[in-house]
Amino acid sequence: MGREWGMGWVIVAMLAGCGGAGVEAVEPGGDGAGMGWQDMDVSRPLPCPPGFVEGTFGPVMWTAQAASERWMHDERQVSRVRSSPARPVEVCGVDGQILWLMQLRCPDGRPPYRDPTTAHESRAGNVGAGGRCGTIIDLYPVPCSDGVHEIYIDLYHCAPGEAF
């Protein structure tokens, strides 16, 4: 698949989301599947899903069906993660951030963190508003043997059953 499918899916998602309470998928391949992941442009945010009111506090609530479309949510290889303040990794809550970081693997196959406390303490801080819906984005410098990988994370994207 090429990049030509992006706008069509956005329009379909906008139309589908008009009548529902949850968030519908806005772009296929939340994990970058089907694209040349090395070349993914993460300089622009994906559209804020229908149903979320920008400027409000609280998480974006995804439907069970659309939750797999959260950006990079299912990626576990540090070298494949593509993120920026405009397009951060999308997880649910601080616990979701830590769980996601603990599941990462460096290019040498080792985990970057020895325990959840180390992962949590590696947070460099927030970089301000960004992502799909203008929520606060955190920066985590992830240490691996090949260097430090800067990963931006948006903790305001929750699926059914996930606690913010």
N, C-alpha and C. Protein backbone atom coordinates (compact mmCIF):
# COMPACT_ATOMS: atom_id res chain seq x y z
N MET A 1 0.83 -1.19 0.00
CA MET A 1 0.00 0.00 0.00
C MET A 1 0.87 1.25 0.00
N GLY A 2 0.45 2.25 -0.69
CA GLY A 2 1.16 3.50 -0.70
C GLY A 2 0.49 4.51 0.21
N ARG A 3 0.91 5.74 0.09
CA ARG A 3 0.37 6.79 0.94
C ARG A 3 -0.96 7.33 0.43
N GLU A 4 -1.37 6.91 -0.77
CA GLU A 4 -2.56 7.46 -1.39
C GLU A 4 -3.85 7.11 -0.64
N TRP A 5 -3.84 6.13 0.26
CA TRP A 5 -5.05 5.70 0.96
C TRP A 5 -5.40 6.60 2.13
N GLY A 6 -4.49 7.41 2.61
CA GLY A 6 -4.68 8.17 3.84
C GLY A 6 -5.94 9.03 3.88
N MET A 7 -6.14 9.89 2.92
CA MET A 7 -7.26 10.83 2.96
C MET A 7 -8.59 10.12 2.83
N GLY A 8 -8.66 9.06 2.02
CA GLY A 8 -9.91 8.32 1.88
C GLY A 8 -10.36 7.72 3.20
N TRP A 9 -9.42 7.17 3.97
CA TRP A 9 -9.77 6.59 5.27
C TRP A 9 -10.20 7.65 6.26
N VAL A 10 -9.59 8.81 6.18
CA VAL A 10 -9.98 9.90 7.07
C VAL A 10 -11.42 10.30 6.81
N ILE A 11 -11.80 10.42 5.55
CA ILE A 11 -13.17 10.80 5.21
C ILE A 11 -14.15 9.72 5.65
N VAL A 12 -13.83 8.44 5.39
CA VAL A 12 -14.70 7.35 5.82
C VAL A 12 -14.86 7.37 7.33
N ALA A 13 -13.77 7.56 8.06
CA ALA A 13 -13.83 7.57 9.52
C ALA A 13 -14.66 8.74 10.02
N MET A 14 -14.53 9.89 9.39
CA MET A 14 -15.31 11.06 9.82
C MET A 14 -16.79 10.79 9.62
N LEU A 15 -17.15 10.20 8.49
CA LEU A 15 -18.55 9.91 8.24
C LEU A 15 -19.08 8.85 9.21
N ALA A 16 -18.27 7.81 9.44
CA ALA A 16 -18.69 6.74 10.34
C ALA A 16 -18.81 7.22 11.77
N GLY A 17 -17.97 8.17 12.17
CA GLY A 17 -17.95 8.62 13.54
C GLY A 17 -19.04 9.62 13.90
N CYS A 18 -19.74 10.14 12.93
CA CYS A 18 -20.73 11.17 13.22
C CYS A 18 -21.84 10.69 14.13
N GLY A 19 -22.22 9.42 14.05
CA GLY A 19 -23.34 8.97 14.86
C GLY A 19 -22.95 8.18 16.08
N GLY A 20 -21.67 7.93 16.31
CA GLY A 20 -21.27 7.07 17.41
C GLY A 20 -20.67 7.83 18.56
N ALA A 21 -20.66 7.20 19.73
CA ALA A 21 -20.10 7.83 20.91
C ALA A 21 -18.61 7.59 21.02
N GLY A 22 -18.11 6.48 20.45
CA GLY A 22 -16.71 6.15 20.56
C GLY A 22 -15.92 6.70 19.40
N VAL A 23 -14.65 6.40 19.38
CA VAL A 23 -13.77 6.86 18.33
C VAL A 23 -13.63 5.76 17.28
N GLU A 24 -13.77 6.13 16.04
CA GLU A 24 -13.60 5.17 14.95
C GLU A 24 -12.18 5.29 14.41
N ALA A 25 -11.73 4.30 13.67
CA ALA A 25 -10.39 4.31 13.09
C ALA A 25 -10.25 5.48 12.12
N VAL A 26 -9.09 6.13 12.14
CA VAL A 26 -8.86 7.24 11.24
C VAL A 26 -7.80 6.96 10.20
N GLU A 27 -7.01 5.92 10.39
CA GLU A 27 -6.03 5.57 9.37
C GLU A 27 -5.58 4.14 9.63
N PRO A 28 -5.55 3.31 8.61
CA PRO A 28 -5.11 1.94 8.84
C PRO A 28 -3.63 1.89 9.17
N GLY A 29 -3.22 0.79 9.81
CA GLY A 29 -1.80 0.59 10.07
C GLY A 29 -1.26 1.40 11.20
N GLY A 30 -1.92 1.43 12.35
CA GLY A 30 -1.44 2.18 13.50
C GLY A 30 -0.03 1.79 13.90
N ASP A 31 0.39 0.60 13.49
CA ASP A 31 1.73 0.16 13.80
C ASP A 31 2.69 0.38 12.63
N GLY A 32 2.21 1.03 11.58
CA GLY A 32 3.04 1.29 10.41
C GLY A 32 3.06 0.15 9.42
N ALA A 33 2.29 -0.91 9.66
CA ALA A 33 2.28 -2.06 8.78
C ALA A 33 1.82 -1.66 7.38
N GLY A 34 2.44 -2.24 6.39
CA GLY A 34 2.04 -1.97 5.02
C GLY A 34 2.73 -0.76 4.42
N MET A 35 3.51 -0.05 5.19
CA MET A 35 4.23 1.11 4.70
C MET A 35 5.71 0.84 4.82
N GLY A 36 6.52 1.62 4.14
CA GLY A 36 7.96 1.59 4.37
C GLY A 36 8.20 2.32 5.68
N TRP A 37 8.24 1.60 6.78
CA TRP A 37 8.26 2.22 8.11
C TRP A 37 9.45 3.13 8.31
N GLN A 38 10.55 2.87 7.63
CA GLN A 38 11.73 3.72 7.77
C GLN A 38 11.46 5.13 7.25
N ASP A 39 10.54 5.24 6.30
CA ASP A 39 10.28 6.50 5.62
C ASP A 39 8.99 7.20 6.07
N MET A 40 8.37 6.69 7.12
CA MET A 40 7.11 7.29 7.56
C MET A 40 7.32 8.74 7.97
N ASP A 41 6.46 9.61 7.50
CA ASP A 41 6.50 11.03 7.87
C ASP A 41 5.70 11.21 9.16
N VAL A 42 6.38 11.55 10.23
CA VAL A 42 5.70 11.77 11.50
C VAL A 42 5.69 13.25 11.88
N SER A 43 5.93 14.11 10.91
CA SER A 43 5.99 15.54 11.20
C SER A 43 4.61 16.18 11.33
N ARG A 44 3.58 15.50 10.85
CA ARG A 44 2.21 16.04 10.94
C ARG A 44 1.34 15.10 11.76
N PRO A 45 0.47 15.66 12.58
CA PRO A 45 -0.41 14.79 13.37
C PRO A 45 -1.49 14.15 12.51
N LEU A 46 -1.96 13.02 12.98
CA LEU A 46 -3.15 12.41 12.39
C LEU A 46 -4.34 13.23 12.87
N PRO A 47 -5.50 13.13 12.23
CA PRO A 47 -6.67 13.90 12.66
C PRO A 47 -7.16 13.44 14.04
N CYS A 48 -7.65 14.40 14.81
CA CYS A 48 -8.26 14.07 16.09
C CYS A 48 -9.53 13.27 15.80
N PRO A 49 -9.69 12.12 16.44
CA PRO A 49 -10.84 11.27 16.16
C PRO A 49 -12.17 11.96 16.49
N PRO A 50 -13.23 11.61 15.77
CA PRO A 50 -14.55 12.16 16.07
C PRO A 50 -14.95 11.80 17.50
N GLY A 51 -15.66 12.68 18.14
CA GLY A 51 -16.14 12.42 19.49
C GLY A 51 -15.29 13.06 20.58
N PHE A 52 -14.05 13.48 20.25
CA PHE A 52 -13.21 14.13 21.24
C PHE A 52 -13.29 15.63 21.02
N VAL A 53 -13.53 16.38 22.08
CA VAL A 53 -13.63 17.83 21.98
C VAL A 53 -12.28 18.41 22.39
N GLU A 54 -11.58 19.02 21.43
CA GLU A 54 -10.28 19.61 21.72
C GLU A 54 -10.44 20.69 22.79
N GLY A 55 -9.42 20.78 23.64
CA GLY A 55 -9.44 21.76 24.71
C GLY A 55 -10.06 21.24 26.00
N THR A 56 -10.61 20.02 25.96
CA THR A 56 -11.17 19.43 27.17
C THR A 56 -10.11 18.56 27.82
N PHE A 57 -10.25 18.31 29.11
CA PHE A 57 -9.31 17.45 29.82
C PHE A 57 -9.84 16.03 29.86
N GLY A 58 -8.94 15.10 29.73
CA GLY A 58 -9.32 13.70 29.81
C GLY A 58 -8.90 12.96 28.57
N PRO A 59 -9.00 11.64 28.65
CA PRO A 59 -8.51 10.82 27.54
C PRO A 59 -9.45 10.77 26.35
N VAL A 60 -8.86 10.44 25.20
CA VAL A 60 -9.62 10.10 24.01
C VAL A 60 -10.04 8.65 24.21
N MET A 61 -11.33 8.39 24.18
CA MET A 61 -11.83 7.03 24.39
C MET A 61 -12.06 6.37 23.03
N TRP A 62 -11.24 5.37 22.74
CA TRP A 62 -11.32 4.63 21.49
C TRP A 62 -12.33 3.50 21.63
N THR A 63 -12.99 3.14 20.54
CA THR A 63 -13.84 1.95 20.55
C THR A 63 -12.93 0.73 20.54
N ALA A 64 -13.46 -0.41 20.95
CA ALA A 64 -12.67 -1.64 20.95
C ALA A 64 -12.17 -1.96 19.53
N GLN A 65 -13.03 -1.72 18.56
CA GLN A 65 -12.69 -2.01 17.18
C GLN A 65 -11.56 -1.11 16.67
N ALA A 66 -11.55 0.15 17.06
CA ALA A 66 -10.57 1.10 16.54
C ALA A 66 -9.29 1.20 17.38
N ALA A 67 -9.28 0.62 18.57
CA ALA A 67 -8.15 0.78 19.49
C ALA A 67 -6.82 0.33 18.90
N SER A 68 -6.84 -0.62 17.99
CA SER A 68 -5.59 -1.10 17.39
C SER A 68 -4.97 -0.06 16.46
N GLU A 69 -5.71 0.99 16.16
CA GLU A 69 -5.20 2.04 15.27
C GLU A 69 -4.43 3.13 16.02
N ARG A 70 -4.29 2.99 17.32
CA ARG A 70 -3.49 3.97 18.06
C ARG A 70 -2.06 3.91 17.54
N TRP A 71 -1.49 5.07 17.28
CA TRP A 71 -0.19 5.16 16.63
C TRP A 71 0.91 4.47 17.44
N MET A 72 1.57 3.50 16.82
CA MET A 72 2.71 2.77 17.36
C MET A 72 2.41 2.01 18.65
N HIS A 73 1.16 1.92 19.03
CA HIS A 73 0.76 1.28 20.28
C HIS A 73 1.27 -0.16 20.38
N ASP A 74 1.30 -0.88 19.28
CA ASP A 74 1.68 -2.29 19.30
C ASP A 74 3.14 -2.55 18.91
N GLU A 75 3.88 -1.50 18.62
CA GLU A 75 5.28 -1.68 18.22
C GLU A 75 6.14 -2.00 19.45
N ARG A 76 7.05 -2.95 19.31
CA ARG A 76 7.91 -3.34 20.44
C ARG A 76 9.40 -3.18 20.15
N GLN A 77 9.77 -2.93 18.90
CA GLN A 77 11.17 -2.77 18.53
C GLN A 77 11.53 -1.29 18.52
N VAL A 78 12.44 -0.88 19.39
CA VAL A 78 12.83 0.53 19.49
C VAL A 78 13.22 1.09 18.13
N SER A 79 13.94 0.32 17.35
CA SER A 79 14.43 0.81 16.05
C SER A 79 13.31 1.06 15.04
N ARG A 80 12.13 0.50 15.28
CA ARG A 80 10.99 0.69 14.37
C ARG A 80 10.02 1.78 14.83
N VAL A 81 10.20 2.29 16.04
CA VAL A 81 9.29 3.31 16.55
C VAL A 81 9.55 4.62 15.83
N ARG A 82 8.50 5.18 15.27
CA ARG A 82 8.55 6.49 14.62
C ARG A 82 7.60 7.39 15.39
N SER A 83 8.16 8.42 16.03
CA SER A 83 7.33 9.33 16.81
C SER A 83 7.91 10.73 16.75
N SER A 84 7.09 11.68 17.10
CA SER A 84 7.46 13.09 17.16
C SER A 84 6.44 13.77 18.06
N PRO A 85 6.66 15.03 18.42
CA PRO A 85 5.62 15.73 19.19
C PRO A 85 4.29 15.80 18.41
N ALA A 86 4.37 15.82 17.09
CA ALA A 86 3.15 15.87 16.28
C ALA A 86 2.48 14.50 16.17
N ARG A 87 3.28 13.43 16.21
CA ARG A 87 2.73 12.08 16.07
C ARG A 87 3.39 11.15 17.09
N PRO A 88 2.99 11.28 18.35
CA PRO A 88 3.58 10.45 19.40
C PRO A 88 2.98 9.04 19.45
N VAL A 89 3.65 8.16 20.16
CA VAL A 89 3.11 6.84 20.48
C VAL A 89 1.87 7.09 21.33
N GLU A 90 0.78 6.35 21.08
CA GLU A 90 -0.48 6.57 21.79
C GLU A 90 -0.78 5.41 22.74
N VAL A 91 -0.80 5.71 24.03
CA VAL A 91 -1.09 4.73 25.07
C VAL A 91 -2.10 5.32 26.04
N CYS A 92 -2.49 4.53 27.05
CA CYS A 92 -3.48 4.99 28.03
C CYS A 92 -2.86 5.14 29.42
N GLY A 93 -2.71 6.37 29.86
CA GLY A 93 -2.28 6.66 31.22
C GLY A 93 -0.80 6.43 31.49
N VAL A 94 -0.37 6.86 32.68
CA VAL A 94 1.02 6.69 33.08
C VAL A 94 1.38 5.20 33.15
N ASP A 95 0.48 4.39 33.70
CA ASP A 95 0.75 2.95 33.75
C ASP A 95 0.91 2.38 32.34
N GLY A 96 0.12 2.88 31.40
CA GLY A 96 0.24 2.44 30.01
C GLY A 96 1.57 2.83 29.41
N GLN A 97 2.06 4.03 29.75
CA GLN A 97 3.38 4.46 29.27
C GLN A 97 4.46 3.50 29.78
N ILE A 98 4.43 3.23 31.08
CA ILE A 98 5.46 2.40 31.68
C ILE A 98 5.39 0.97 31.12
N LEU A 99 4.19 0.42 31.01
CA LEU A 99 4.03 -0.92 30.44
C LEU A 99 4.58 -0.96 29.03
N TRP A 100 4.26 0.03 28.21
CA TRP A 100 4.73 0.08 26.83
C TRP A 100 6.26 0.15 26.80
N LEU A 101 6.84 1.01 27.62
CA LEU A 101 8.30 1.13 27.67
C LEU A 101 8.96 -0.18 28.11
N MET A 102 8.35 -0.86 29.08
CA MET A 102 8.92 -2.12 29.57
C MET A 102 8.85 -3.24 28.53
N GLN A 103 7.95 -3.14 27.58
CA GLN A 103 7.82 -4.16 26.53
C GLN A 103 8.75 -3.91 25.35
N LEU A 104 9.40 -2.75 25.30
CA LEU A 104 10.31 -2.44 24.20
C LEU A 104 11.54 -3.33 24.21
N ARG A 105 12.11 -3.53 23.02
CA ARG A 105 13.36 -4.25 22.88
C ARG A 105 14.29 -3.43 21.99
N CYS A 106 15.54 -3.33 22.43
CA CYS A 106 16.56 -2.63 21.65
C CYS A 106 16.99 -3.51 20.48
N PRO A 107 17.75 -2.94 19.54
CA PRO A 107 18.20 -3.72 18.39
C PRO A 107 18.98 -4.99 18.76
N ASP A 108 19.64 -4.98 19.93
CA ASP A 108 20.38 -6.17 20.36
C ASP A 108 19.49 -7.19 21.07
N GLY A 109 18.17 -6.92 21.14
CA GLY A 109 17.23 -7.84 21.75
C GLY A 109 17.00 -7.63 23.24
N ARG A 110 17.77 -6.75 23.85
CA ARG A 110 17.65 -6.50 25.29
C ARG A 110 16.63 -5.41 25.57
N PRO A 111 16.01 -5.47 26.75
CA PRO A 111 15.11 -4.38 27.15
C PRO A 111 15.93 -3.14 27.53
N PRO A 112 15.43 -1.95 27.23
CA PRO A 112 16.18 -0.74 27.57
C PRO A 112 16.16 -0.42 29.07
N TYR A 113 15.18 -0.94 29.79
CA TYR A 113 15.04 -0.63 31.21
C TYR A 113 15.06 -1.91 32.04
N ARG A 114 15.66 -1.83 33.22
CA ARG A 114 15.75 -3.01 34.09
C ARG A 114 14.50 -3.21 34.93
N ASP A 115 13.74 -2.11 35.13
CA ASP A 115 12.52 -2.21 35.95
C ASP A 115 11.62 -1.02 35.66
N PRO A 116 10.34 -1.07 36.09
CA PRO A 116 9.39 0.02 35.82
C PRO A 116 9.82 1.37 36.43
N THR A 117 10.47 1.34 37.58
CA THR A 117 10.90 2.60 38.19
C THR A 117 11.93 3.30 37.31
N THR A 118 12.88 2.55 36.79
CA THR A 118 13.90 3.12 35.90
C THR A 118 13.24 3.69 34.65
N ALA A 119 12.28 2.98 34.09
CA ALA A 119 11.56 3.46 32.90
C ALA A 119 10.85 4.77 33.22
N HIS A 120 10.14 4.80 34.34
CA HIS A 120 9.39 6.00 34.74
C HIS A 120 10.33 7.19 34.97
N GLU A 121 11.44 6.95 35.62
CA GLU A 121 12.38 8.03 35.94
C GLU A 121 13.16 8.52 34.72
N SER A 122 13.10 7.80 33.61
CA SER A 122 13.81 8.24 32.41
C SER A 122 13.08 9.36 31.67
N ARG A 123 11.85 9.64 32.08
CA ARG A 123 11.07 10.70 31.42
C ARG A 123 11.84 12.03 31.50
N ALA A 124 12.08 12.61 30.33
CA ALA A 124 12.79 13.89 30.26
C ALA A 124 11.87 15.06 30.61
N GLY A 125 10.57 14.85 30.48
CA GLY A 125 9.59 15.91 30.75
C GLY A 125 8.57 15.97 29.64
N ASN A 126 7.66 16.94 29.76
CA ASN A 126 6.70 17.10 28.67
C ASN A 126 7.21 18.17 27.72
N VAL A 127 6.81 18.04 26.48
CA VAL A 127 7.25 18.96 25.44
C VAL A 127 6.11 19.88 25.01
N GLY A 128 5.02 19.89 25.79
CA GLY A 128 3.88 20.73 25.48
C GLY A 128 2.80 19.97 24.75
N ALA A 129 1.87 20.71 24.20
CA ALA A 129 0.72 20.13 23.52
C ALA A 129 1.13 19.62 22.13
N GLY A 130 0.50 18.51 21.73
CA GLY A 130 0.78 17.97 20.41
C GLY A 130 -0.12 16.78 20.12
N GLY A 131 0.32 15.95 19.22
CA GLY A 131 -0.45 14.76 18.86
C GLY A 131 -1.73 15.09 18.14
N ARG A 132 -2.60 14.09 18.04
CA ARG A 132 -3.86 14.22 17.32
C ARG A 132 -4.76 15.31 17.85
N CYS A 133 -4.80 15.43 19.18
CA CYS A 133 -5.84 16.25 19.80
C CYS A 133 -5.31 17.36 20.69
N GLY A 134 -4.04 17.69 20.57
CA GLY A 134 -3.48 18.79 21.34
C GLY A 134 -3.29 18.49 22.81
N THR A 135 -3.06 17.21 23.15
CA THR A 135 -2.82 16.84 24.54
C THR A 135 -1.33 16.96 24.86
N ILE A 136 -0.98 16.85 26.14
CA ILE A 136 0.40 16.98 26.56
C ILE A 136 1.20 15.74 26.14
N ILE A 137 2.38 15.98 25.58
CA ILE A 137 3.24 14.92 25.07
C ILE A 137 4.49 14.81 25.94
N ASP A 138 4.83 13.58 26.31
CA ASP A 138 6.03 13.32 27.11
C ASP A 138 7.17 12.83 26.22
N LEU A 139 8.39 13.17 26.63
CA LEU A 139 9.58 12.70 25.92
C LEU A 139 10.33 11.72 26.80
N TYR A 140 10.64 10.56 26.24
CA TYR A 140 11.44 9.54 26.90
C TYR A 140 12.69 9.26 26.07
N PRO A 141 13.88 9.58 26.58
CA PRO A 141 15.11 9.15 25.92
C PRO A 141 15.34 7.68 26.27
N VAL A 142 15.22 6.80 25.31
CA VAL A 142 15.30 5.36 25.55
C VAL A 142 16.73 4.88 25.26
N PRO A 143 17.42 4.39 26.30
CA PRO A 143 18.82 3.99 26.13
C PRO A 143 18.98 2.57 25.59
N CYS A 144 19.72 2.46 24.51
CA CYS A 144 20.06 1.16 23.94
C CYS A 144 21.55 1.15 23.63
N SER A 145 22.10 -0.02 23.35
CA SER A 145 23.54 -0.12 23.08
C SER A 145 23.95 0.65 21.82
N ASP A 146 23.01 0.88 20.90
CA ASP A 146 23.32 1.62 19.68
C ASP A 146 23.10 3.12 19.83
N GLY A 147 22.70 3.58 21.01
CA GLY A 147 22.49 5.00 21.27
C GLY A 147 21.16 5.25 21.96
N VAL A 148 20.87 6.51 22.14
CA VAL A 148 19.62 6.91 22.80
C VAL A 148 18.58 7.24 21.74
N HIS A 149 17.41 6.64 21.88
CA HIS A 149 16.30 6.86 20.95
C HIS A 149 15.28 7.77 21.63
N GLU A 150 14.99 8.92 21.04
CA GLU A 150 13.98 9.82 21.60
C GLU A 150 12.60 9.35 21.17
N ILE A 151 11.76 9.03 22.16
CA ILE A 151 10.41 8.56 21.87
C ILE A 151 9.42 9.48 22.56
N TYR A 152 8.49 10.00 21.77
CA TYR A 152 7.44 10.88 22.27
C TYR A 152 6.19 10.05 22.53
N ILE A 153 5.56 10.26 23.69
CA ILE A 153 4.40 9.46 24.06
C ILE A 153 3.24 10.35 24.50
N ASP A 154 2.05 10.03 23.99
CA ASP A 154 0.80 10.68 24.36
C ASP A 154 0.00 9.68 25.19
N LEU A 155 -0.21 9.98 26.46
CA LEU A 155 -0.87 9.02 27.35
C LEU A 155 -2.38 9.19 27.40
N TYR A 156 -2.96 9.96 26.51
CA TYR A 156 -4.39 10.25 26.54
C TYR A 156 -5.22 9.44 25.53
N HIS A 157 -4.83 8.21 25.24
CA HIS A 157 -5.56 7.39 24.25
C HIS A 157 -5.92 6.05 24.85
N CYS A 158 -7.17 5.92 25.28
CA CYS A 158 -7.61 4.72 26.03
C CYS A 158 -8.64 3.89 25.28
N ALA A 159 -8.49 2.58 25.42
CA ALA A 159 -9.44 1.62 24.85
C ALA A 159 -10.35 1.14 25.97
N PRO A 160 -11.47 0.52 25.63
CA PRO A 160 -12.35 -0.02 26.67
C PRO A 160 -11.58 -0.96 27.60
N GLY A 161 -11.81 -0.80 28.90
CA GLY A 161 -11.16 -1.63 29.88
C GLY A 161 -9.81 -1.12 30.37
N GLU A 162 -9.29 -0.07 29.75
CA GLU A 162 -8.02 0.51 30.20
C GLU A 162 -8.32 1.66 31.15
N ALA A 163 -7.58 1.72 32.23
CA ALA A 163 -7.77 2.77 33.24
C ALA A 163 -6.82 3.91 33.01
N PHE A 164 -7.36 5.11 32.93
CA PHE A 164 -6.54 6.31 32.76
C PHE A 164 -5.94 6.67 34.10
